[in-house]
Amino acid sequence: MVEFSDFECPFCERHYPTLSQILDEYKGKVSLVYKHFPLGFHPNAQKAAEDSEFADEQGKFWEYHDKLFANQPNGYSLEKFKQWAKDLGLNSGKFDASFPMELEDFE
């Protein structure tokens, strides 16, 4: 399956549990290719996509993907992105360097 998704989209977040269930039930028979599709009217979507790619460089894309969707209802912030990276054991020095600006600078 190929999914075009936006980490800040409430509809994508609602779809996440169903997608997870499909992947669990058909393990080994179905695979997922995730494609970023951050919508311009979601102010944190682009940064979330970029940070998930940073997590991918450290072998933890799916863990960060899951963390983003699990926490989307609580809202995103620069501090939360950093904390989730730390929670997952990502190299925080490199991750912090990826935050040269505040999230509002991406709007």
N, C-alpha and C. Protein backbone atom coordinates (compact mmCIF):
# COMPACT_ATOMS: atom_id res chain seq x y z
N MET A 1 0.84 -1.17 0.00
CA MET A 1 0.00 0.00 0.00
C MET A 1 0.89 1.24 0.00
N VAL A 2 0.42 2.26 -0.67
CA VAL A 2 1.11 3.54 -0.67
C VAL A 2 0.17 4.55 -0.04
N GLU A 3 0.66 5.23 0.97
CA GLU A 3 -0.15 6.23 1.66
C GLU A 3 0.49 7.59 1.49
N PHE A 4 -0.29 8.55 1.02
CA PHE A 4 0.12 9.95 0.98
C PHE A 4 -0.54 10.59 2.19
N SER A 5 0.27 11.13 3.09
CA SER A 5 -0.27 11.54 4.38
C SER A 5 0.40 12.81 4.91
N ASP A 6 -0.29 13.41 5.85
CA ASP A 6 0.12 14.65 6.51
C ASP A 6 0.02 14.39 8.01
N PHE A 7 1.13 14.51 8.72
CA PHE A 7 1.14 14.19 10.16
C PHE A 7 0.19 15.07 10.97
N GLU A 8 -0.17 16.24 10.46
CA GLU A 8 -1.02 17.15 11.21
C GLU A 8 -2.49 17.09 10.77
N CYS A 9 -2.79 16.28 9.79
CA CYS A 9 -4.15 16.17 9.27
C CYS A 9 -5.01 15.32 10.21
N PRO A 10 -6.14 15.85 10.67
CA PRO A 10 -6.98 15.06 11.58
C PRO A 10 -7.59 13.83 10.90
N PHE A 11 -7.81 13.89 9.60
CA PHE A 11 -8.35 12.74 8.88
C PHE A 11 -7.30 11.63 8.76
N CYS A 12 -6.05 12.03 8.53
CA CYS A 12 -4.96 11.05 8.48
C CYS A 12 -4.78 10.40 9.85
N GLU A 13 -4.93 11.17 10.90
CA GLU A 13 -4.80 10.65 12.26
C GLU A 13 -5.92 9.65 12.56
N ARG A 14 -7.13 9.93 12.08
CA ARG A 14 -8.24 9.01 12.28
C ARG A 14 -8.05 7.70 11.52
N HIS A 15 -7.35 7.78 10.40
CA HIS A 15 -7.09 6.61 9.57
C HIS A 15 -5.96 5.74 10.15
N TYR A 16 -5.10 6.33 10.96
CA TYR A 16 -3.92 5.66 11.49
C TYR A 16 -4.24 4.33 12.21
N PRO A 17 -5.24 4.28 13.11
CA PRO A 17 -5.53 2.99 13.78
C PRO A 17 -5.96 1.89 12.80
N THR A 18 -6.74 2.25 11.79
CA THR A 18 -7.17 1.27 10.80
C THR A 18 -5.99 0.74 10.01
N LEU A 19 -5.12 1.64 9.61
CA LEU A 19 -3.92 1.25 8.87
C LEU A 19 -3.05 0.33 9.72
N SER A 20 -2.88 0.68 10.98
CA SER A 20 -2.09 -0.16 11.89
C SER A 20 -2.70 -1.54 12.03
N GLN A 21 -4.01 -1.62 12.11
CA GLN A 21 -4.70 -2.90 12.23
C GLN A 21 -4.49 -3.75 10.97
N ILE A 22 -4.58 -3.12 9.81
CA ILE A 22 -4.36 -3.85 8.55
C ILE A 22 -2.95 -4.42 8.51
N LEU A 23 -1.98 -3.59 8.88
CA LEU A 23 -0.58 -4.05 8.86
C LEU A 23 -0.34 -5.17 9.85
N ASP A 24 -0.99 -5.12 11.01
CA ASP A 24 -0.86 -6.19 12.00
C ASP A 24 -1.52 -7.48 11.53
N GLU A 25 -2.74 -7.36 11.02
CA GLU A 25 -3.49 -8.56 10.62
C GLU A 25 -2.91 -9.24 9.39
N TYR A 26 -2.29 -8.49 8.53
CA TYR A 26 -1.74 -9.05 7.29
C TYR A 26 -0.22 -8.96 7.24
N LYS A 27 0.38 -9.07 8.41
CA LYS A 27 1.84 -9.01 8.53
C LYS A 27 2.49 -10.00 7.56
N GLY A 28 3.45 -9.50 6.79
CA GLY A 28 4.13 -10.33 5.82
C GLY A 28 3.43 -10.40 4.47
N LYS A 29 2.18 -9.96 4.42
CA LYS A 29 1.43 -9.98 3.17
C LYS A 29 1.20 -8.58 2.61
N VAL A 30 1.24 -7.60 3.49
CA VAL A 30 1.00 -6.21 3.10
C VAL A 30 2.15 -5.37 3.64
N SER A 31 2.62 -4.47 2.81
CA SER A 31 3.63 -3.52 3.28
C SER A 31 3.14 -2.11 2.97
N LEU A 32 3.73 -1.16 3.64
CA LEU A 32 3.31 0.23 3.51
C LEU A 32 4.48 1.08 3.05
N VAL A 33 4.22 1.92 2.07
CA VAL A 33 5.16 2.94 1.65
C VAL A 33 4.52 4.27 2.03
N TYR A 34 5.20 5.03 2.87
CA TYR A 34 4.67 6.31 3.35
C TYR A 34 5.24 7.43 2.50
N LYS A 35 4.36 8.26 1.97
CA LYS A 35 4.76 9.43 1.19
C LYS A 35 4.26 10.68 1.90
N HIS A 36 5.16 11.62 2.10
CA HIS A 36 4.79 12.87 2.76
C HIS A 36 3.93 13.72 1.83
N PHE A 37 2.86 14.25 2.39
CA PHE A 37 1.99 15.16 1.66
C PHE A 37 1.52 16.24 2.63
N PRO A 38 2.47 17.04 3.17
CA PRO A 38 2.08 18.07 4.14
C PRO A 38 1.26 19.17 3.47
N LEU A 39 0.10 19.42 4.01
CA LEU A 39 -0.78 20.44 3.46
C LEU A 39 -0.37 21.81 3.98
N GLY A 40 -0.41 22.79 3.11
CA GLY A 40 0.06 24.13 3.43
C GLY A 40 -0.69 24.81 4.56
N PHE A 41 -1.92 24.43 4.80
CA PHE A 41 -2.69 25.08 5.87
C PHE A 41 -2.51 24.41 7.23
N HIS A 42 -1.66 23.39 7.29
CA HIS A 42 -1.27 22.78 8.57
C HIS A 42 0.12 23.31 8.91
N PRO A 43 0.22 24.23 9.85
CA PRO A 43 1.48 24.95 10.09
C PRO A 43 2.66 24.08 10.53
N ASN A 44 2.41 22.92 11.12
CA ASN A 44 3.50 22.09 11.63
C ASN A 44 3.76 20.84 10.80
N ALA A 45 2.99 20.65 9.75
CA ALA A 45 3.08 19.42 8.97
C ALA A 45 4.42 19.27 8.25
N GLN A 46 4.92 20.34 7.68
CA GLN A 46 6.20 20.26 6.96
C GLN A 46 7.33 19.92 7.93
N LYS A 47 7.34 20.57 9.09
CA LYS A 47 8.39 20.31 10.08
C LYS A 47 8.29 18.87 10.60
N ALA A 48 7.08 18.40 10.82
CA ALA A 48 6.91 17.02 11.27
C ALA A 48 7.45 16.04 10.22
N ALA A 49 7.18 16.32 8.95
CA ALA A 49 7.68 15.47 7.86
C ALA A 49 9.20 15.48 7.84
N GLU A 50 9.79 16.66 7.95
CA GLU A 50 11.25 16.78 7.94
C GLU A 50 11.86 16.03 9.12
N ASP A 51 11.25 16.17 10.28
CA ASP A 51 11.78 15.50 11.47
C ASP A 51 11.64 13.98 11.38
N SER A 52 10.59 13.51 10.74
CA SER A 52 10.45 12.07 10.57
C SER A 52 11.55 11.53 9.66
N GLU A 53 11.96 12.34 8.68
CA GLU A 53 13.07 11.94 7.81
C GLU A 53 14.38 11.94 8.59
N PHE A 54 14.53 12.88 9.50
CA PHE A 54 15.71 12.87 10.36
C PHE A 54 15.72 11.60 11.21
N ALA A 55 14.55 11.24 11.74
CA ALA A 55 14.45 10.00 12.52
C ALA A 55 14.79 8.80 11.64
N ASP A 56 14.37 8.85 10.38
CA ASP A 56 14.68 7.76 9.45
C ASP A 56 16.18 7.60 9.27
N GLU A 57 16.91 8.70 9.24
CA GLU A 57 18.36 8.63 9.11
C GLU A 57 19.00 7.86 10.27
N GLN A 58 18.27 7.81 11.40
CA GLN A 58 18.76 7.08 12.57
C GLN A 58 18.02 5.75 12.75
N GLY A 59 17.30 5.33 11.70
CA GLY A 59 16.63 4.04 11.73
C GLY A 59 15.36 3.98 12.54
N LYS A 60 14.72 5.16 12.78
CA LYS A 60 13.53 5.16 13.62
C LYS A 60 12.37 5.94 13.01
N PHE A 61 12.24 5.84 11.68
CA PHE A 61 11.13 6.55 11.03
C PHE A 61 9.79 6.10 11.59
N TRP A 62 9.56 4.78 11.60
CA TRP A 62 8.25 4.28 11.99
C TRP A 62 7.93 4.57 13.45
N GLU A 63 8.95 4.55 14.29
CA GLU A 63 8.72 4.88 15.70
C GLU A 63 8.30 6.35 15.84
N TYR A 64 8.98 7.23 15.09
CA TYR A 64 8.64 8.66 15.15
C TYR A 64 7.28 8.90 14.49
N HIS A 65 7.02 8.22 13.40
CA HIS A 65 5.72 8.27 12.72
C HIS A 65 4.61 7.95 13.71
N ASP A 66 4.76 6.84 14.43
CA ASP A 66 3.75 6.42 15.39
C ASP A 66 3.61 7.44 16.52
N LYS A 67 4.72 7.98 16.98
CA LYS A 67 4.71 8.97 18.06
C LYS A 67 3.96 10.23 17.61
N LEU A 68 4.20 10.67 16.37
CA LEU A 68 3.51 11.86 15.86
C LEU A 68 2.01 11.64 15.80
N PHE A 69 1.58 10.53 15.23
CA PHE A 69 0.13 10.30 15.14
C PHE A 69 -0.50 10.06 16.50
N ALA A 70 0.18 9.37 17.39
CA ALA A 70 -0.36 9.12 18.73
C ALA A 70 -0.56 10.42 19.51
N ASN A 71 0.29 11.40 19.25
CA ASN A 71 0.23 12.65 20.01
C ASN A 71 -0.41 13.80 19.26
N GLN A 72 -0.85 13.58 18.04
CA GLN A 72 -1.44 14.67 17.25
C GLN A 72 -2.61 15.35 17.95
N PRO A 73 -3.53 14.62 18.59
CA PRO A 73 -4.66 15.30 19.24
C PRO A 73 -4.24 16.31 20.32
N ASN A 74 -3.05 16.14 20.87
CA ASN A 74 -2.56 17.06 21.91
C ASN A 74 -1.87 18.28 21.33
N GLY A 75 -1.67 18.30 20.03
CA GLY A 75 -1.02 19.43 19.37
C GLY A 75 0.49 19.26 19.29
N TYR A 76 1.07 19.98 18.37
CA TYR A 76 2.51 19.93 18.15
C TYR A 76 3.17 21.22 18.60
N SER A 77 4.41 21.09 19.00
CA SER A 77 5.23 22.26 19.34
C SER A 77 6.69 21.87 19.15
N LEU A 78 7.53 22.83 19.08
CA LEU A 78 8.97 22.60 18.95
C LEU A 78 9.48 21.75 20.10
N GLU A 79 9.03 22.06 21.31
CA GLU A 79 9.47 21.32 22.49
C GLU A 79 9.01 19.86 22.42
N LYS A 80 7.79 19.65 21.94
CA LYS A 80 7.28 18.28 21.84
C LYS A 80 8.06 17.48 20.80
N PHE A 81 8.34 18.08 19.64
CA PHE A 81 9.13 17.38 18.63
C PHE A 81 10.48 16.95 19.21
N LYS A 82 11.12 17.85 19.94
CA LYS A 82 12.41 17.53 20.56
C LYS A 82 12.28 16.43 21.61
N GLN A 83 11.23 16.53 22.43
CA GLN A 83 11.04 15.54 23.49
C GLN A 83 10.78 14.15 22.91
N TRP A 84 9.98 14.08 21.86
CA TRP A 84 9.69 12.78 21.26
C TRP A 84 10.95 12.17 20.66
N ALA A 85 11.79 13.00 20.08
CA ALA A 85 13.06 12.51 19.55
C ALA A 85 13.91 11.94 20.68
N LYS A 86 13.93 12.66 21.80
CA LYS A 86 14.69 12.21 22.96
C LYS A 86 14.10 10.91 23.51
N ASP A 87 12.78 10.84 23.59
CA ASP A 87 12.10 9.64 24.08
C ASP A 87 12.47 8.40 23.26
N LEU A 88 12.70 8.61 21.97
CA LEU A 88 13.03 7.50 21.07
C LEU A 88 14.52 7.21 20.99
N GLY A 89 15.31 7.97 21.75
CA GLY A 89 16.75 7.74 21.77
C GLY A 89 17.48 8.25 20.55
N LEU A 90 16.88 9.21 19.86
CA LEU A 90 17.56 9.80 18.71
C LEU A 90 18.72 10.66 19.17
N ASN A 91 19.70 10.84 18.32
CA ASN A 91 20.85 11.69 18.62
C ASN A 91 20.34 13.12 18.80
N SER A 92 20.20 13.55 20.03
CA SER A 92 19.57 14.85 20.30
C SER A 92 20.41 16.03 19.82
N GLY A 93 21.73 15.90 19.81
CA GLY A 93 22.56 16.99 19.31
C GLY A 93 22.28 17.27 17.85
N LYS A 94 22.23 16.23 17.04
CA LYS A 94 21.91 16.39 15.63
C LYS A 94 20.46 16.82 15.45
N PHE A 95 19.57 16.27 16.25
CA PHE A 95 18.16 16.61 16.13
C PHE A 95 17.93 18.08 16.49
N ASP A 96 18.55 18.54 17.58
CA ASP A 96 18.40 19.94 17.99
C ASP A 96 18.93 20.88 16.92
N ALA A 97 19.98 20.48 16.23
CA ALA A 97 20.55 21.31 15.18
C ALA A 97 19.59 21.46 14.00
N SER A 98 18.61 20.56 13.90
CA SER A 98 17.64 20.66 12.82
C SER A 98 16.55 21.67 13.13
N PHE A 99 16.64 22.33 14.28
CA PHE A 99 15.64 23.31 14.70
C PHE A 99 16.23 24.71 14.77
N PRO A 100 16.71 25.25 13.66
CA PRO A 100 17.30 26.59 13.71
C PRO A 100 16.28 27.69 13.89
N MET A 101 15.00 27.39 13.64
CA MET A 101 13.97 28.41 13.70
C MET A 101 12.80 27.88 14.53
N GLU A 102 11.94 28.79 14.89
CA GLU A 102 10.71 28.40 15.57
C GLU A 102 9.73 27.87 14.53
N LEU A 103 8.75 27.11 14.96
CA LEU A 103 7.77 26.54 14.04
C LEU A 103 7.04 27.61 13.26
N GLU A 104 6.79 28.75 13.87
CA GLU A 104 6.05 29.82 13.21
C GLU A 104 6.79 30.30 11.96
N ASP A 105 8.11 30.13 11.91
CA ASP A 105 8.90 30.54 10.76
C ASP A 105 8.57 29.71 9.53
N PHE A 106 7.90 28.58 9.71
CA PHE A 106 7.58 27.71 8.59
C PHE A 106 6.21 28.03 8.00
N GLU A 107 5.47 28.92 8.64
CA GLU A 107 4.12 29.24 8.15
C GLU A 107 4.19 30.12 6.93
